[in-house]
Amino acid sequence: MAGDDIPPELVRLRASIDNLDAAIIHLLAERFKLTRDVGVLKARTALPPADPERETRQIARLRNLADEAGLEPEFAEKFLAFVIAEVLHHHETIARSQSDQP
């Protein structure tokens, strides 16, 4: 499809998708700033990087939110599992760096 042949509705829909993608990235960045602070606090107070009970609660909460929003709960759970894995990796890195300091 040549640039001139793209229906205006498709251009509008794609622009909305692009805006949402940008918002998602910014929200994820903000979330990871907060989880970095959590990781630092956990390292300072010798708390473990993982909190399985909270993770279980969060998964259930996000599955419910996804269902209410018309999104497949399984997708929300997979997405959250990916985010949690990244957060744990960051927390472990922070804990190691804190333990290296005098």
C-alpha atoms as a PDB file:
ATOM      1  CA  MET A   1       0.000   0.000   0.000  1.00  0.00           C
ATOM      2  CA  ALA A   2       1.547   3.282  -1.088  1.00  0.00           C
ATOM      3  CA  GLY A   3       1.569   6.203   1.345  1.00  0.00           C
ATOM      4  CA  ASP A   4      -1.191   8.010  -0.542  1.00  0.00           C
ATOM      5  CA  ASP A   5      -3.410   4.911  -0.516  1.00  0.00           C
ATOM      6  CA  ILE A   6      -3.571   4.608   3.268  1.00  0.00           C
ATOM      7  CA  PRO A   7      -7.088   5.297   4.486  1.00  0.00           C
ATOM      8  CA  PRO A   8      -7.290   8.252   6.899  1.00  0.00           C
ATOM      9  CA  GLU A   9      -8.981   6.010   9.482  1.00  0.00           C
ATOM     10  CA  LEU A  10      -5.945   3.684   9.447  1.00  0.00           C
ATOM     11  CA  VAL A  11      -3.612   6.656   9.903  1.00  0.00           C
ATOM     12  CA  ARG A  12      -5.724   7.839  12.845  1.00  0.00           C
ATOM     13  CA  LEU A  13      -5.820   4.403  14.454  1.00  0.00           C
ATOM     14  CA  ARG A  14      -2.077   3.939  14.052  1.00  0.00           C
ATOM     15  CA  ALA A  15      -1.423   7.366  15.583  1.00  0.00           C
ATOM     16  CA  SER A  16      -3.547   6.396  18.583  1.00  0.00           C
ATOM     17  CA  ILE A  17      -1.611   3.129  18.923  1.00  0.00           C
ATOM     18  CA  ASP A  18       1.682   5.040  18.739  1.00  0.00           C
ATOM     19  CA  ASN A  19       0.495   7.408  21.481  1.00  0.00           C
ATOM     20  CA  LEU A  20      -0.525   4.504  23.699  1.00  0.00           C
ATOM     21  CA  ASP A  21       2.813   2.764  23.092  1.00  0.00           C
ATOM     22  CA  ALA A  22       4.621   5.930  24.181  1.00  0.00           C
ATOM     23  CA  ALA A  23       2.453   6.173  27.306  1.00  0.00           C
ATOM     24  CA  ILE A  24       3.149   2.509  28.154  1.00  0.00           C
ATOM     25  CA  ILE A  25       6.905   3.070  27.857  1.00  0.00           C
ATOM     26  CA  HIS A  26       6.752   6.151  30.076  1.00  0.00           C
ATOM     27  CA  LEU A  27       4.624   4.337  32.648  1.00  0.00           C
ATOM     28  CA  LEU A  28       7.021   1.383  32.665  1.00  0.00           C
ATOM     29  CA  ALA A  29       9.955   3.741  33.148  1.00  0.00           C
ATOM     30  CA  GLU A  30       8.189   5.336  36.122  1.00  0.00           C
ATOM     31  CA  ARG A  31       7.358   1.919  37.538  1.00  0.00           C
ATOM     32  CA  PHE A  32      10.969   0.791  37.278  1.00  0.00           C
ATOM     33  CA  LYS A  33      12.159   3.976  39.002  1.00  0.00           C
ATOM     34  CA  LEU A  34       9.903   3.088  41.920  1.00  0.00           C
ATOM     35  CA  THR A  35      10.969  -0.548  41.989  1.00  0.00           C
ATOM     36  CA  ARG A  36      14.602   0.583  41.937  1.00  0.00           C
ATOM     37  CA  ASP A  37      13.891   2.576  45.086  1.00  0.00           C
ATOM     38  CA  VAL A  38      12.228  -0.505  46.586  1.00  0.00           C
ATOM     39  CA  GLY A  39      15.337  -2.530  45.721  1.00  0.00           C
ATOM     40  CA  VAL A  40      17.603  -0.020  47.436  1.00  0.00           C
ATOM     41  CA  LEU A  41      15.390  -0.013  50.538  1.00  0.00           C
ATOM     42  CA  LYS A  42      15.287  -3.812  50.616  1.00  0.00           C
ATOM     43  CA  ALA A  43      19.071  -3.992  50.279  1.00  0.00           C
ATOM     44  CA  ARG A  44      19.586  -1.434  53.069  1.00  0.00           C
ATOM     45  CA  THR A  45      17.243  -3.291  55.399  1.00  0.00           C
ATOM     46  CA  ALA A  46      18.484  -6.775  54.432  1.00  0.00           C
ATOM     47  CA  LEU A  47      15.117  -7.838  53.025  1.00  0.00           C
ATOM     48  CA  PRO A  48      15.137 -10.489  50.284  1.00  0.00           C
ATOM     49  CA  PRO A  49      14.750  -9.293  46.683  1.00  0.00           C
ATOM     50  CA  ALA A  50      11.652 -11.457  46.142  1.00  0.00           C
ATOM     51  CA  ASP A  51       8.342 -11.282  47.989  1.00  0.00           C
ATOM     52  CA  PRO A  52       6.355 -14.313  46.765  1.00  0.00           C
ATOM     53  CA  GLU A  53       3.254 -13.441  48.792  1.00  0.00           C
ATOM     54  CA  ARG A  54       3.052  -9.959  47.249  1.00  0.00           C
ATOM     55  CA  GLU A  55       3.692 -11.391  43.790  1.00  0.00           C
ATOM     56  CA  THR A  56       0.789 -13.811  44.242  1.00  0.00           C
ATOM     57  CA  ARG A  57      -1.497 -10.966  45.350  1.00  0.00           C
ATOM     58  CA  GLN A  58      -0.359  -8.781  42.446  1.00  0.00           C
ATOM     59  CA  ILE A  59      -0.978 -11.514  39.891  1.00  0.00           C
ATOM     60  CA  ALA A  60      -4.515 -12.046  41.200  1.00  0.00           C
ATOM     61  CA  ARG A  61      -5.144  -8.281  41.268  1.00  0.00           C
ATOM     62  CA  LEU A  62      -3.906  -7.762  37.708  1.00  0.00           C
ATOM     63  CA  ARG A  63      -5.831 -10.770  36.407  1.00  0.00           C
ATOM     64  CA  ASN A  64      -8.999  -9.230  37.870  1.00  0.00           C
ATOM     65  CA  LEU A  65      -8.208  -5.803  36.431  1.00  0.00           C
ATOM     66  CA  ALA A  66      -7.511  -7.344  33.027  1.00  0.00           C
ATOM     67  CA  ASP A  67     -10.776  -9.259  33.096  1.00  0.00           C
ATOM     68  CA  GLU A  68     -12.699  -6.094  34.015  1.00  0.00           C
ATOM     69  CA  ALA A  69     -10.956  -4.215  31.199  1.00  0.00           C
ATOM     70  CA  GLY A  70     -11.718  -6.869  28.579  1.00  0.00           C
ATOM     71  CA  LEU A  71      -8.104  -8.056  28.346  1.00  0.00           C
ATOM     72  CA  GLU A  72      -7.207 -11.715  28.617  1.00  0.00           C
ATOM     73  CA  PRO A  73      -6.138 -12.389  32.227  1.00  0.00           C
ATOM     74  CA  GLU A  74      -3.512 -14.857  30.981  1.00  0.00           C
ATOM     75  CA  PHE A  75      -1.867 -12.093  28.983  1.00  0.00           C
ATOM     76  CA  ALA A  76      -1.820  -9.800  32.019  1.00  0.00           C
ATOM     77  CA  GLU A  77      -0.274 -12.575  34.108  1.00  0.00           C
ATOM     78  CA  LYS A  78       2.425 -13.273  31.504  1.00  0.00           C
ATOM     79  CA  PHE A  79       3.199  -9.567  31.237  1.00  0.00           C
ATOM     80  CA  LEU A  80       3.422  -9.179  35.006  1.00  0.00           C
ATOM     81  CA  ALA A  81       5.630 -12.279  35.262  1.00  0.00           C
ATOM     82  CA  PHE A  82       8.029 -10.670  32.769  1.00  0.00           C
ATOM     83  CA  VAL A  83       8.032  -7.388  34.706  1.00  0.00           C
ATOM     84  CA  ILE A  84       8.561  -9.184  38.037  1.00  0.00           C
ATOM     85  CA  ALA A  85      11.488 -11.144  36.597  1.00  0.00           C
ATOM     86  CA  GLU A  86      13.127  -7.883  35.490  1.00  0.00           C
ATOM     87  CA  VAL A  87      12.470  -6.242  38.857  1.00  0.00           C
ATOM     88  CA  LEU A  88      13.988  -9.202  40.713  1.00  0.00           C
ATOM     89  CA  HIS A  89      17.043  -9.069  38.488  1.00  0.00           C
ATOM     90  CA  HIS A  90      17.432  -5.366  39.304  1.00  0.00           C
ATOM     91  CA  HIS A  91      16.894  -5.987  43.040  1.00  0.00           C
ATOM     92  CA  GLU A  92      19.514  -8.742  43.063  1.00  0.00           C
ATOM     93  CA  THR A  93      21.979  -6.443  41.296  1.00  0.00           C
ATOM     94  CA  ILE A  94      21.267  -3.662  43.799  1.00  0.00           C
ATOM     95  CA  ALA A  95      21.657  -6.078  46.735  1.00  0.00           C
ATOM     96  CA  ARG A  96      25.034  -7.257  45.398  1.00  0.00           C
ATOM     97  CA  SER A  97      26.245  -3.689  44.901  1.00  0.00           C
ATOM     98  CA  GLN A  98      25.097  -2.719  48.422  1.00  0.00           C
ATOM     99  CA  SER A  99      26.886  -5.698  49.951  1.00  0.00           C
ATOM    100  CA  ASP A 100      30.109  -4.640  48.202  1.00  0.00           C
ATOM    101  CA  GLN A 101      30.041  -1.267  49.978  1.00  0.00           C
ATOM    102  CA  PRO A 102      31.706  -0.895  53.389  1.00  0.00           C
END
